[in-house]
PDB file of N, CA and C in Angstrom:
ATOM      1  N   UNK A   1      58.810 139.703  48.569  1.00  0.00           N
ATOM      2  CA  UNK A   1      59.970 138.929  48.164  1.00  0.00           C
ATOM      3  C   UNK A   1      61.154 139.869  48.115  1.00  0.00           C
ATOM      4  N   UNK A   2      62.079 139.665  48.989  1.00  0.00           N
ATOM      5  CA  UNK A   2      63.188 140.601  49.111  1.00  0.00           C
ATOM      6  C   UNK A   2      64.482 140.056  48.550  1.00  0.00           C
ATOM      7  N   UNK A   3      64.404 139.227  47.577  1.00  0.00           N
ATOM      8  CA  UNK A   3      65.621 138.731  46.965  1.00  0.00           C
ATOM      9  C   UNK A   3      65.453 137.324  46.466  1.00  0.00           C
ATOM     10  N   UNK A   4      66.438 136.882  45.724  1.00  0.00           N
ATOM     11  CA  UNK A   4      66.422 135.557  45.136  1.00  0.00           C
ATOM     12  C   UNK A   4      67.334 134.637  45.928  1.00  0.00           C
ATOM     13  N   UNK A   5      66.858 133.462  46.238  1.00  0.00           N
ATOM     14  CA  UNK A   5      67.658 132.444  46.906  1.00  0.00           C
ATOM     15  C   UNK A   5      67.416 131.141  46.161  1.00  0.00           C
ATOM     16  N   UNK A   6      68.431 130.641  45.484  1.00  0.00           N
ATOM     17  CA  UNK A   6      68.276 129.455  44.656  1.00  0.00           C
ATOM     18  C   UNK A   6      67.935 128.206  45.458  1.00  0.00           C
ATOM     19  N   UNK A   7      68.102 128.267  46.778  1.00  0.00           N
ATOM     20  CA  UNK A   7      67.815 127.106  47.618  1.00  0.00           C
ATOM     21  C   UNK A   7      66.414 127.140  48.226  1.00  0.00           C
ATOM     22  N   UNK A   8      65.683 128.200  47.984  1.00  0.00           N
ATOM     23  CA  UNK A   8      64.281 128.288  48.399  1.00  0.00           C
ATOM     24  C   UNK A   8      63.454 128.216  47.125  1.00  0.00           C
ATOM     25  N   UNK A   9      62.658 127.171  46.990  1.00  0.00           N
ATOM     26  CA  UNK A   9      61.895 126.977  45.756  1.00  0.00           C
ATOM     27  C   UNK A   9      60.399 127.098  46.027  1.00  0.00           C
ATOM     28  N   UNK A  10      59.695 127.529  45.012  1.00  0.00           N
ATOM     29  CA  UNK A  10      58.252 127.660  45.094  1.00  0.00           C
ATOM     30  C   UNK A  10      57.596 126.999  43.903  1.00  0.00           C
ATOM     31  N   UNK A  11      56.384 126.515  44.120  1.00  0.00           N
ATOM     32  CA  UNK A  11      55.647 125.845  43.060  1.00  0.00           C
ATOM     33  C   UNK A  11      54.155 126.118  43.243  1.00  0.00           C
ATOM     34  N   UNK A  12      53.483 126.397  42.142  1.00  0.00           N
ATOM     35  CA  UNK A  12      52.029 126.537  42.150  1.00  0.00           C
ATOM     36  C   UNK A  12      51.477 125.446  41.241  1.00  0.00           C
ATOM     37  N   UNK A  13      50.618 124.610  41.813  1.00  0.00           N
ATOM     38  CA  UNK A  13      50.093 123.457  41.083  1.00  0.00           C
ATOM     39  C   UNK A  13      48.568 123.519  41.056  1.00  0.00           C
ATOM     40  N   UNK A  14      47.993 123.336  39.876  1.00  0.00           N
ATOM     41  CA  UNK A  14      46.534 123.270  39.734  1.00  0.00           C
ATOM     42  C   UNK A  14      46.093 121.861  40.116  1.00  0.00           C
ATOM     43  N   UNK A  15      45.336 121.748  41.213  1.00  0.00           N
ATOM     44  CA  UNK A  15      44.882 120.441  41.679  1.00  0.00           C
ATOM     45  C   UNK A  15      43.567 120.029  41.059  1.00  0.00           C
ATOM     46  N   UNK A  16      42.696 121.017  40.846  1.00  0.00           N
ATOM     47  CA  UNK A  16      41.348 120.700  40.378  1.00  0.00           C
ATOM     48  C   UNK A  16      40.780 121.882  39.617  1.00  0.00           C
ATOM     49  N   UNK A  17      40.039 121.577  38.552  1.00  0.00           N
ATOM     50  CA  UNK A  17      39.349 122.620  37.788  1.00  0.00           C
ATOM     51  C   UNK A  17      38.024 122.053  37.309  1.00  0.00           C
ATOM     52  N   UNK A  18      36.934 122.743  37.643  1.00  0.00           N
ATOM     53  CA  UNK A  18      35.594 122.319  37.244  1.00  0.00           C
ATOM     54  C   UNK A  18      34.878 123.478  36.582  1.00  0.00           C
ATOM     55  N   UNK A  19      34.116 123.182  35.535  1.00  0.00           N
ATOM     56  CA  UNK A  19      33.338 124.212  34.842  1.00  0.00           C
ATOM     57  C   UNK A  19      31.962 123.633  34.528  1.00  0.00           C
ATOM     58  N   UNK A  20      30.919 124.358  34.952  1.00  0.00           N
ATOM     59  CA  UNK A  20      29.542 123.940  34.673  1.00  0.00           C
ATOM     60  C   UNK A  20      28.719 125.169  34.318  1.00  0.00           C
ATOM     61  N   UNK A  21      27.634 124.949  33.610  1.00  0.00           N
ATOM     62  CA  UNK A  21      26.690 126.021  33.303  1.00  0.00           C
ATOM     63  C   UNK A  21      25.550 125.963  34.304  1.00  0.00           C
ATOM     64  N   UNK A  22      25.141 127.145  34.804  1.00  0.00           N
ATOM     65  CA  UNK A  22      24.065 127.240  35.780  1.00  0.00           C
ATOM     66  C   UNK A  22      23.092 128.326  35.339  1.00  0.00           C
ATOM     67  N   UNK A  23      21.894 128.302  35.906  1.00  0.00           N
ATOM     68  CA  UNK A  23      20.907 129.332  35.627  1.00  0.00           C
ATOM     69  C   UNK A  23      21.075 130.446  36.650  1.00  0.00           C
ATOM     70  N   UNK A  24      21.326 131.647  36.162  1.00  0.00           N
ATOM     71  CA  UNK A  24      21.516 132.788  37.037  1.00  0.00           C
ATOM     72  C   UNK A  24      20.232 133.561  37.225  1.00  0.00           C
ATOM     73  N   UNK A  25      20.351 134.734  37.828  1.00  0.00           N
ATOM     74  CA  UNK A  25      19.204 135.614  37.992  1.00  0.00           C
ATOM     75  C   UNK A  25      18.709 136.044  36.622  1.00  0.00           C
ATOM     76  N   UNK A  26      17.450 136.407  36.526  1.00  0.00           N
ATOM     77  CA  UNK A  26      16.840 136.855  35.276  1.00  0.00           C
ATOM     78  C   UNK A  26      16.947 135.806  34.175  1.00  0.00           C
ATOM     79  N   UNK A  27      17.048 134.544  34.569  1.00  0.00           N
ATOM     80  CA  UNK A  27      17.099 133.409  33.633  1.00  0.00           C
ATOM     81  C   UNK A  27      18.253 133.495  32.639  1.00  0.00           C
ATOM     82  N   UNK A  28      19.347 134.106  33.052  1.00  0.00           N
ATOM     83  CA  UNK A  28      20.541 134.138  32.204  1.00  0.00           C
ATOM     84  C   UNK A  28      21.397 132.915  32.519  1.00  0.00           C
ATOM     85  N   UNK A  29      22.042 132.391  31.508  1.00  0.00           N
ATOM     86  CA  UNK A  29      22.906 131.228  31.704  1.00  0.00           C
ATOM     87  C   UNK A  29      24.318 131.713  32.032  1.00  0.00           C
ATOM     88  N   UNK A  30      24.844 131.204  33.147  1.00  0.00           N
ATOM     89  CA  UNK A  30      26.189 131.573  33.597  1.00  0.00           C
ATOM     90  C   UNK A  30      27.094 130.351  33.586  1.00  0.00           C
ATOM     91  N   UNK A  31      28.366 130.600  33.440  1.00  0.00           N
ATOM     92  CA  UNK A  31      29.361 129.551  33.620  1.00  0.00           C
ATOM     93  C   UNK A  31      29.924 129.700  35.025  1.00  0.00           C
ATOM     94  N   UNK A  32      29.947 128.590  35.749  1.00  0.00           N
ATOM     95  CA  UNK A  32      30.514 128.557  37.097  1.00  0.00           C
ATOM     96  C   UNK A  32      31.820 127.782  36.996  1.00  0.00           C
ATOM     97  N   UNK A  33      32.887 128.406  37.445  1.00  0.00           N
ATOM     98  CA  UNK A  33      34.202 127.767  37.349  1.00  0.00           C
ATOM     99  C   UNK A  33      34.864 127.748  38.721  1.00  0.00           C
ATOM    100  N   UNK A  34      35.399 126.587  39.077  1.00  0.00           N
ATOM    101  CA  UNK A  34      36.089 126.419  40.352  1.00  0.00           C
ATOM    102  C   UNK A  34      37.506 125.931  40.073  1.00  0.00           C
ATOM    103  N   UNK A  35      38.465 126.529  40.774  1.00  0.00           N
ATOM    104  CA  UNK A  35      39.857 126.082  40.684  1.00  0.00           C
ATOM    105  C   UNK A  35      40.440 125.963  42.080  1.00  0.00           C
ATOM    106  N   UNK A  36      41.215 124.902  42.264  1.00  0.00           N
ATOM    107  CA  UNK A  36      41.931 124.701  43.517  1.00  0.00           C
ATOM    108  C   UNK A  36      43.414 124.606  43.182  1.00  0.00           C
ATOM    109  N   UNK A  37      44.195 125.495  43.795  1.00  0.00           N
ATOM    110  CA  UNK A  37      45.644 125.526  43.587  1.00  0.00           C
ATOM    111  C   UNK A  37      46.354 125.154  44.882  1.00  0.00           C
ATOM    112  N   UNK A  38      47.535 124.590  44.727  1.00  0.00           N
ATOM    113  CA  UNK A  38      48.391 124.303  45.857  1.00  0.00           C
ATOM    114  C   UNK A  38      49.680 125.103  45.666  1.00  0.00           C
ATOM    115  N   UNK A  39      49.984 125.950  46.637  1.00  0.00           N
ATOM    116  CA  UNK A  39      51.189 126.788  46.594  1.00  0.00           C
ATOM    117  C   UNK A  39      52.160 126.212  47.623  1.00  0.00           C
ATOM    118  N   UNK A  40      53.334 125.777  47.159  1.00  0.00           N
ATOM    119  CA  UNK A  40      54.297 125.124  48.042  1.00  0.00           C
ATOM    120  C   UNK A  40      55.638 125.846  48.003  1.00  0.00           C
ATOM    121  N   UNK A  41      56.173 126.117  49.188  1.00  0.00           N
ATOM    122  CA  UNK A  41      57.500 126.708  49.346  1.00  0.00           C
ATOM    123  C   UNK A  41      58.365 125.658  50.052  1.00  0.00           C
ATOM    124  N   UNK A  42      59.570 125.392  49.514  1.00  0.00           N
ATOM    125  CA  UNK A  42      60.461 124.375  50.075  1.00  0.00           C
ATOM    126  C   UNK A  42      61.823 124.984  50.407  1.00  0.00           C
ATOM    127  N   UNK A  43      62.321 124.645  51.592  1.00  0.00           N
ATOM    128  CA  UNK A  43      63.652 125.077  52.020  1.00  0.00           C
ATOM    129  C   UNK A  43      64.649 123.976  51.652  1.00  0.00           C
ATOM    130  N   UNK A  44      65.472 124.219  50.646  1.00  0.00           N
ATOM    131  CA  UNK A  44      66.489 123.261  50.227  1.00  0.00           C
ATOM    132  C   UNK A  44      67.865 123.593  50.807  1.00  0.00           C
ATOM    133  N   UNK A  45      67.904 124.492  51.778  1.00  0.00           N
ATOM    134  CA  UNK A  45      69.169 124.857  52.426  1.00  0.00           C
ATOM    135  C   UNK A  45      69.540 123.808  53.474  1.00  0.00           C
ATOM    136  N   UNK A  46      70.758 123.916  53.979  1.00  0.00           N
ATOM    137  CA  UNK A  46      71.226 123.009  55.027  1.00  0.00           C
ATOM    138  C   UNK A  46      70.889 123.532  56.419  1.00  0.00           C
ATOM    139  N   UNK A  47      70.346 124.743  56.480  1.00  0.00           N
ATOM    140  CA  UNK A  47      69.936 125.318  57.756  1.00  0.00           C
ATOM    141  C   UNK A  47      68.494 125.812  57.644  1.00  0.00           C
ATOM    142  N   UNK A  48      67.886 126.015  58.804  1.00  0.00           N
ATOM    143  CA  UNK A  48      66.521 126.502  58.830  1.00  0.00           C
ATOM    144  C   UNK A  48      66.423 127.959  58.399  1.00  0.00           C
ATOM    145  N   UNK A  49      65.244 128.347  57.899  1.00  0.00           N
ATOM    146  CA  UNK A  49      65.018 129.723  57.471  1.00  0.00           C
ATOM    147  C   UNK A  49      63.611 130.159  57.884  1.00  0.00           C
ATOM    148  N   UNK A  50      63.447 131.469  58.048  1.00  0.00           N
ATOM    149  CA  UNK A  50      62.118 132.036  58.248  1.00  0.00           C
ATOM    150  C   UNK A  50      61.665 132.610  56.917  1.00  0.00           C
ATOM    151  N   UNK A  51      60.486 132.196  56.483  1.00  0.00           N
ATOM    152  CA  UNK A  51      59.929 132.609  55.194  1.00  0.00           C
ATOM    153  C   UNK A  51      58.653 133.397  55.448  1.00  0.00           C
ATOM    154  N   UNK A  52      58.485 134.473  54.707  1.00  0.00           N
ATOM    155  CA  UNK A  52      57.217 135.194  54.705  1.00  0.00           C
ATOM    156  C   UNK A  52      56.589 134.980  53.334  1.00  0.00           C
ATOM    157  N   UNK A  53      55.416 134.359  53.338  1.00  0.00           N
ATOM    158  CA  UNK A  53      54.702 134.061  52.096  1.00  0.00           C
ATOM    159  C   UNK A  53      53.510 134.994  51.975  1.00  0.00           C
ATOM    160  N   UNK A  54      53.384 135.631  50.817  1.00  0.00           N
ATOM    161  CA  UNK A  54      52.254 136.506  50.531  1.00  0.00           C
ATOM    162  C   UNK A  54      51.424 135.879  49.418  1.00  0.00           C
ATOM    163  N   UNK A  55      50.108 135.873  49.597  1.00  0.00           N
ATOM    164  CA  UNK A  55      49.180 135.383  48.576  1.00  0.00           C
ATOM    165  C   UNK A  55      48.125 136.450  48.385  1.00  0.00           C
ATOM    166  N   UNK A  56      47.867 136.781  47.141  1.00  0.00           N
ATOM    167  CA  UNK A  56      46.880 137.815  46.828  1.00  0.00           C
ATOM    168  C   UNK A  56      45.497 137.192  46.678  1.00  0.00           C
ATOM    169  N   UNK A  57      44.497 137.851  47.274  1.00  0.00           N
ATOM    170  CA  UNK A  57      43.106 137.457  47.068  1.00  0.00           C
ATOM    171  C   UNK A  57      42.705 137.845  45.646  1.00  0.00           C
ATOM    172  N   UNK A  58      41.804 137.094  45.052  1.00  0.00           N
ATOM    173  CA  UNK A  58      41.360 137.464  43.708  1.00  0.00           C
ATOM    174  C   UNK A  58      40.449 138.687  43.752  1.00  0.00           C
ATOM    175  N   UNK A  59      40.390 139.417  42.658  1.00  0.00           N
ATOM    176  CA  UNK A  59      39.442 140.514  42.535  1.00  0.00           C
ATOM    177  C   UNK A  59      38.757 140.369  41.197  1.00  0.00           C
ATOM    178  N   UNK A  60      37.555 140.897  41.090  1.00  0.00           N
ATOM    179  CA  UNK A  60      36.798 140.720  39.854  1.00  0.00           C
ATOM    180  C   UNK A  60      36.498 142.073  39.222  1.00  0.00           C
ATOM    181  N   UNK A  61      36.267 142.011  37.944  1.00  0.00           N
ATOM    182  CA  UNK A  61      35.862 143.208  37.202  1.00  0.00           C
ATOM    183  C   UNK A  61      34.934 142.782  36.078  1.00  0.00           C
ATOM    184  N   UNK A  62      34.204 143.717  35.571  1.00  0.00           N
ATOM    185  CA  UNK A  62      33.289 143.410  34.470  1.00  0.00           C
ATOM    186  C   UNK A  62      32.189 142.468  34.908  1.00  0.00           C
ATOM    187  N   UNK A  63      31.952 141.433  34.107  1.00  0.00           N
ATOM    188  CA  UNK A  63      30.867 140.486  34.365  1.00  0.00           C
ATOM    189  C   UNK A  63      31.290 139.281  35.192  1.00  0.00           C
ATOM    190  N   UNK A  64      32.489 139.303  35.710  1.00  0.00           N
ATOM    191  CA  UNK A  64      32.996 138.185  36.514  1.00  0.00           C
ATOM    192  C   UNK A  64      32.665 138.433  37.986  1.00  0.00           C
ATOM    193  N   UNK A  65      32.072 137.434  38.630  1.00  0.00           N
ATOM    194  CA  UNK A  65      31.743 137.531  40.048  1.00  0.00           C
ATOM    195  C   UNK A  65      32.476 136.447  40.817  1.00  0.00           C
ATOM    196  N   UNK A  66      33.104 136.828  41.920  1.00  0.00           N
ATOM    197  CA  UNK A  66      33.746 135.849  42.798  1.00  0.00           C
ATOM    198  C   UNK A  66      32.682 135.342  43.755  1.00  0.00           C
ATOM    199  N   UNK A  67      32.378 134.051  43.654  1.00  0.00           N
ATOM    200  CA  UNK A  67      31.339 133.435  44.470  1.00  0.00           C
ATOM    201  C   UNK A  67      31.921 132.958  45.798  1.00  0.00           C
ATOM    202  N   UNK A  68      33.144 132.420  45.766  1.00  0.00           N
ATOM    203  CA  UNK A  68      33.758 131.898  46.986  1.00  0.00           C
ATOM    204  C   UNK A  68      35.277 131.962  46.852  1.00  0.00           C
ATOM    205  N   UNK A  69      35.932 132.217  47.968  1.00  0.00           N
ATOM    206  CA  UNK A  69      37.384 132.208  48.040  1.00  0.00           C
ATOM    207  C   UNK A  69      37.777 131.706  49.415  1.00  0.00           C
ATOM    208  N   UNK A  70      38.713 130.753  49.457  1.00  0.00           N
ATOM    209  CA  UNK A  70      39.193 130.264  50.747  1.00  0.00           C
ATOM    210  C   UNK A  70      40.644 129.811  50.618  1.00  0.00           C
ATOM    211  N   UNK A  71      41.348 129.832  51.737  1.00  0.00           N
ATOM    212  CA  UNK A  71      42.718 129.337  51.806  1.00  0.00           C
ATOM    213  C   UNK A  71      42.871 128.475  53.054  1.00  0.00           C
ATOM    214  N   UNK A  72      43.730 127.474  52.973  1.00  0.00           N
ATOM    215  CA  UNK A  72      44.074 126.617  54.103  1.00  0.00           C
ATOM    216  C   UNK A  72      45.578 126.462  54.121  1.00  0.00           C
ATOM    217  N   UNK A  73      46.224 126.643  55.233  1.00  0.00           N
ATOM    218  CA  UNK A  73      45.695 127.061  56.531  1.00  0.00           C
ATOM    219  C   UNK A  73      45.332 128.542  56.527  1.00  0.00           C
ATOM    220  N   UNK A  74      44.645 128.952  57.566  1.00  0.00           N
ATOM    221  CA  UNK A  74      44.289 130.362  57.707  1.00  0.00           C
ATOM    222  C   UNK A  74      45.554 131.212  57.730  1.00  0.00           C
ATOM    223  N   UNK A  75      45.528 132.374  57.086  1.00  0.00           N
ATOM    224  CA  UNK A  75      46.725 133.227  57.102  1.00  0.00           C
ATOM    225  C   UNK A  75      46.976 133.796  58.500  1.00  0.00           C
ATOM    226  N   UNK A  76      48.236 134.102  58.735  1.00  0.00           N
ATOM    227  CA  UNK A  76      48.607 134.741  59.996  1.00  0.00           C
ATOM    228  C   UNK A  76      48.017 136.142  60.064  1.00  0.00           C
ATOM    229  N   UNK A  77      48.028 136.832  58.904  1.00  0.00           N
ATOM    230  CA  UNK A  77      47.483 138.189  58.835  1.00  0.00           C
ATOM    231  C   UNK A  77      46.801 138.415  57.501  1.00  0.00           C
ATOM    232  N   UNK A  78      45.745 139.231  57.549  1.00  0.00           N
ATOM    233  CA  UNK A  78      45.132 139.778  56.348  1.00  0.00           C
ATOM    234  C   UNK A  78      45.583 141.231  56.314  1.00  0.00           C
ATOM    235  N   UNK A  79      46.489 141.545  55.398  1.00  0.00           N
ATOM    236  CA  UNK A  79      47.094 142.880  55.367  1.00  0.00           C
ATOM    237  C   UNK A  79      46.208 143.926  54.697  1.00  0.00           C
ATOM    238  N   UNK A  80      45.021 143.541  54.275  1.00  0.00           N
ATOM    239  CA  UNK A  80      44.154 144.474  53.567  1.00  0.00           C
ATOM    240  C   UNK A  80      44.578 144.573  52.115  1.00  0.00           C
ATOM    241  N   UNK A  81      43.799 145.271  51.326  1.00  0.00           N
ATOM    242  CA  UNK A  81      44.071 145.415  49.898  1.00  0.00           C
ATOM    243  C   UNK A  81      44.272 144.066  49.220  1.00  0.00           C
ATOM    244  N   UNK A  82      43.645 143.013  49.754  1.00  0.00           N
ATOM    245  CA  UNK A  82      43.694 141.706  49.115  1.00  0.00           C
ATOM    246  C   UNK A  82      44.960 140.917  49.326  1.00  0.00           C
ATOM    247  N   UNK A  83      45.742 141.224  50.344  1.00  0.00           N
ATOM    248  CA  UNK A  83      47.012 140.544  50.560  1.00  0.00           C
ATOM    249  C   UNK A  83      46.984 139.738  51.865  1.00  0.00           C
ATOM    250  N   UNK A  84      47.251 138.426  51.746  1.00  0.00           N
ATOM    251  CA  UNK A  84      47.299 137.535  52.899  1.00  0.00           C
ATOM    252  C   UNK A  84      48.752 137.170  53.181  1.00  0.00           C
ATOM    253  N   UNK A  85      49.084 136.929  54.462  1.00  0.00           N
ATOM    254  CA  UNK A  85      50.476 136.686  54.824  1.00  0.00           C
ATOM    255  C   UNK A  85      50.607 135.535  55.820  1.00  0.00           C
ATOM    256  N   UNK A  86      51.633 134.705  55.589  1.00  0.00           N
ATOM    257  CA  UNK A  86      52.034 133.653  56.507  1.00  0.00           C
ATOM    258  C   UNK A  86      53.515 133.824  56.803  1.00  0.00           C
ATOM    259  N   UNK A  87      53.912 133.674  58.074  1.00  0.00           N
ATOM    260  CA  UNK A  87      55.337 133.613  58.454  1.00  0.00           C
ATOM    261  C   UNK A  87      55.575 132.205  58.964  1.00  0.00           C
ATOM    262  N   UNK A  88      56.544 131.520  58.353  1.00  0.00           N
ATOM    263  CA  UNK A  88      56.816 130.143  58.734  1.00  0.00           C
ATOM    264  C   UNK A  88      58.315 129.932  58.890  1.00  0.00           C
ATOM    265  N   UNK A  89      58.672 129.110  59.851  1.00  0.00           N
ATOM    266  CA  UNK A  89      60.052 128.682  60.031  1.00  0.00           C
ATOM    267  C   UNK A  89      60.177 127.293  59.428  1.00  0.00           C
ATOM    268  N   UNK A  90      61.029 127.170  58.427  1.00  0.00           N
ATOM    269  CA  UNK A  90      61.203 125.896  57.748  1.00  0.00           C
ATOM    270  C   UNK A  90      62.551 125.294  58.094  1.00  0.00           C
ATOM    271  N   UNK A  91      62.531 124.053  58.524  1.00  0.00           N
ATOM    272  CA  UNK A  91      63.757 123.307  58.763  1.00  0.00           C
ATOM    273  C   UNK A  91      64.346 122.908  57.402  1.00  0.00           C
ATOM    274  N   UNK A  92      65.580 122.439  57.373  1.00  0.00           N
ATOM    275  CA  UNK A  92      66.148 121.990  56.100  1.00  0.00           C
ATOM    276  C   UNK A  92      65.266 120.917  55.436  1.00  0.00           C
ATOM    277  N   UNK A  93      65.041 121.071  54.150  1.00  0.00           N
ATOM    278  CA  UNK A  93      64.239 120.152  53.325  1.00  0.00           C
ATOM    279  C   UNK A  93      62.754 120.142  53.699  1.00  0.00           C
ATOM    280  N   UNK A  94      62.309 121.077  54.503  1.00  0.00           N
ATOM    281  CA  UNK A  94      60.900 121.146  54.903  1.00  0.00           C
ATOM    282  C   UNK A  94      60.135 122.042  53.943  1.00  0.00           C
ATOM    283  N   UNK A  95      58.840 121.741  53.779  1.00  0.00           N
ATOM    284  CA  UNK A  95      57.966 122.515  52.886  1.00  0.00           C
ATOM    285  C   UNK A  95      56.779 123.066  53.648  1.00  0.00           C
ATOM    286  N   UNK A  96      56.202 124.131  53.099  1.00  0.00           N
ATOM    287  CA  UNK A  96      54.967 124.721  53.622  1.00  0.00           C
ATOM    288  C   UNK A  96      54.022 124.874  52.440  1.00  0.00           C
ATOM    289  N   UNK A  97      52.766 124.442  52.623  1.00  0.00           N
ATOM    290  CA  UNK A  97      51.810 124.443  51.523  1.00  0.00           C
ATOM    291  C   UNK A  97      50.545 125.197  51.907  1.00  0.00           C
ATOM    292  N   UNK A  98      50.077 126.025  50.981  1.00  0.00           N
ATOM    293  CA  UNK A  98      48.797 126.721  51.115  1.00  0.00           C
ATOM    294  C   UNK A  98      47.895 126.230  49.982  1.00  0.00           C
ATOM    295  N   UNK A  99      46.679 125.850  50.342  1.00  0.00           N
ATOM    296  CA  UNK A  99      45.701 125.441  49.342  1.00  0.00           C
ATOM    297  C   UNK A  99      44.724 126.596  49.150  1.00  0.00           C
ATOM    298  N   UNK A 100      44.533 127.013  47.898  1.00  0.00           N
ATOM    299  CA  UNK A 100      43.669 128.157  47.577  1.00  0.00           C
ATOM    300  C   UNK A 100      42.535 127.689  46.671  1.00  0.00           C
ATOM    301  N   UNK A 101      41.284 128.018  47.064  1.00  0.00           N
ATOM    302  CA  UNK A 101      40.093 127.643  46.295  1.00  0.00           C
ATOM    303  C   UNK A 101      39.377 128.914  45.860  1.00  0.00           C
ATOM    304  N   UNK A 102      39.066 128.986  44.557  1.00  0.00           N
ATOM    305  CA  UNK A 102      38.379 130.148  43.996  1.00  0.00           C
ATOM    306  C   UNK A 102      37.220 129.646  43.141  1.00  0.00           C
ATOM    307  N   UNK A 103      36.039 130.236  43.347  1.00  0.00           N
ATOM    308  CA  UNK A 103      34.862 129.928  42.522  1.00  0.00           C
ATOM    309  C   UNK A 103      34.365 131.238  41.930  1.00  0.00           C
ATOM    310  N   UNK A 104      34.210 131.263  40.591  1.00  0.00           N
ATOM    311  CA  UNK A 104      33.710 132.460  39.914  1.00  0.00           C
ATOM    312  C   UNK A 104      32.538 132.088  39.013  1.00  0.00           C
ATOM    313  N   UNK A 105      31.743 133.110  38.673  1.00  0.00           N
ATOM    314  CA  UNK A 105      30.713 132.951  37.648  1.00  0.00           C
ATOM    315  C   UNK A 105      30.859 134.084  36.643  1.00  0.00           C
ATOM    316  N   UNK A 106      30.460 133.797  35.412  1.00  0.00           N
ATOM    317  CA  UNK A 106      30.487 134.795  34.346  1.00  0.00           C
ATOM    318  C   UNK A 106      29.511 134.362  33.256  1.00  0.00           C
ATOM    319  N   UNK A 107      29.057 135.292  32.420  1.00  0.00           N
ATOM    320  CA  UNK A 107      28.095 134.942  31.377  1.00  0.00           C
ATOM    321  C   UNK A 107      28.635 133.853  30.446  1.00  0.00           C
ATOM    322  N   UNK A 108      27.773 132.884  30.156  1.00  0.00           N
ATOM    323  CA  UNK A 108      28.159 131.784  29.261  1.00  0.00           C
ATOM    324  C   UNK A 108      28.596 132.353  27.923  1.00  0.00           C
ATOM    325  N   UNK A 109      29.660 131.801  27.386  1.00  0.00           N
ATOM    326  CA  UNK A 109      30.171 132.250  26.106  1.00  0.00           C
ATOM    327  C   UNK A 109      31.318 133.248  26.231  1.00  0.00           C
ATOM    328  N   UNK A 110      31.471 133.849  27.402  1.00  0.00           N
ATOM    329  CA  UNK A 110      32.593 134.756  27.626  1.00  0.00           C
ATOM    330  C   UNK A 110      33.854 133.962  27.926  1.00  0.00           C
ATOM    331  N   UNK A 111      34.979 134.563  27.692  1.00  0.00           N
ATOM    332  CA  UNK A 111      36.268 133.945  27.990  1.00  0.00           C
ATOM    333  C   UNK A 111      36.904 134.704  29.142  1.00  0.00           C
ATOM    334  N   UNK A 112      37.288 133.979  30.178  1.00  0.00           N
ATOM    335  CA  UNK A 112      37.926 134.597  31.342  1.00  0.00           C
ATOM    336  C   UNK A 112      39.337 134.031  31.451  1.00  0.00           C
ATOM    337  N   UNK A 113      40.310 134.915  31.438  1.00  0.00           N
ATOM    338  CA  UNK A 113      41.701 134.497  31.576  1.00  0.00           C
ATOM    339  C   UNK A 113      42.128 134.714  33.020  1.00  0.00           C
ATOM    340  N   UNK A 114      42.453 133.612  33.719  1.00  0.00           N
ATOM    341  CA  UNK A 114      42.845 133.734  35.118  1.00  0.00           C
ATOM    342  C   UNK A 114      43.743 132.621  35.544  1.00  0.00           C
TER     343      UNK A 114
END
């Protein structure tokens, strides 16, 4: 992000969140949590613009395991170090949306802030 433009807006919306308990290895009870987010960038200018959108892949630490991660549409580039990139040309009043799905597991009773 190389600056602020009041006419380019972004929004992250939680579309879905599910939490269930499952039986893990060694008969330990785990919590499985799935979240689906929608990331939307909108061009509110009177002229078209080229936007570069970066989305970070999740990373885990401690007892948290990332079971699945996906994004739609596929990124133009995977820059490594967990950074995905899209370059899009947006016409006036046009939007671009990325849907991100993350599934994690962690020991039941733990609190995960994400």
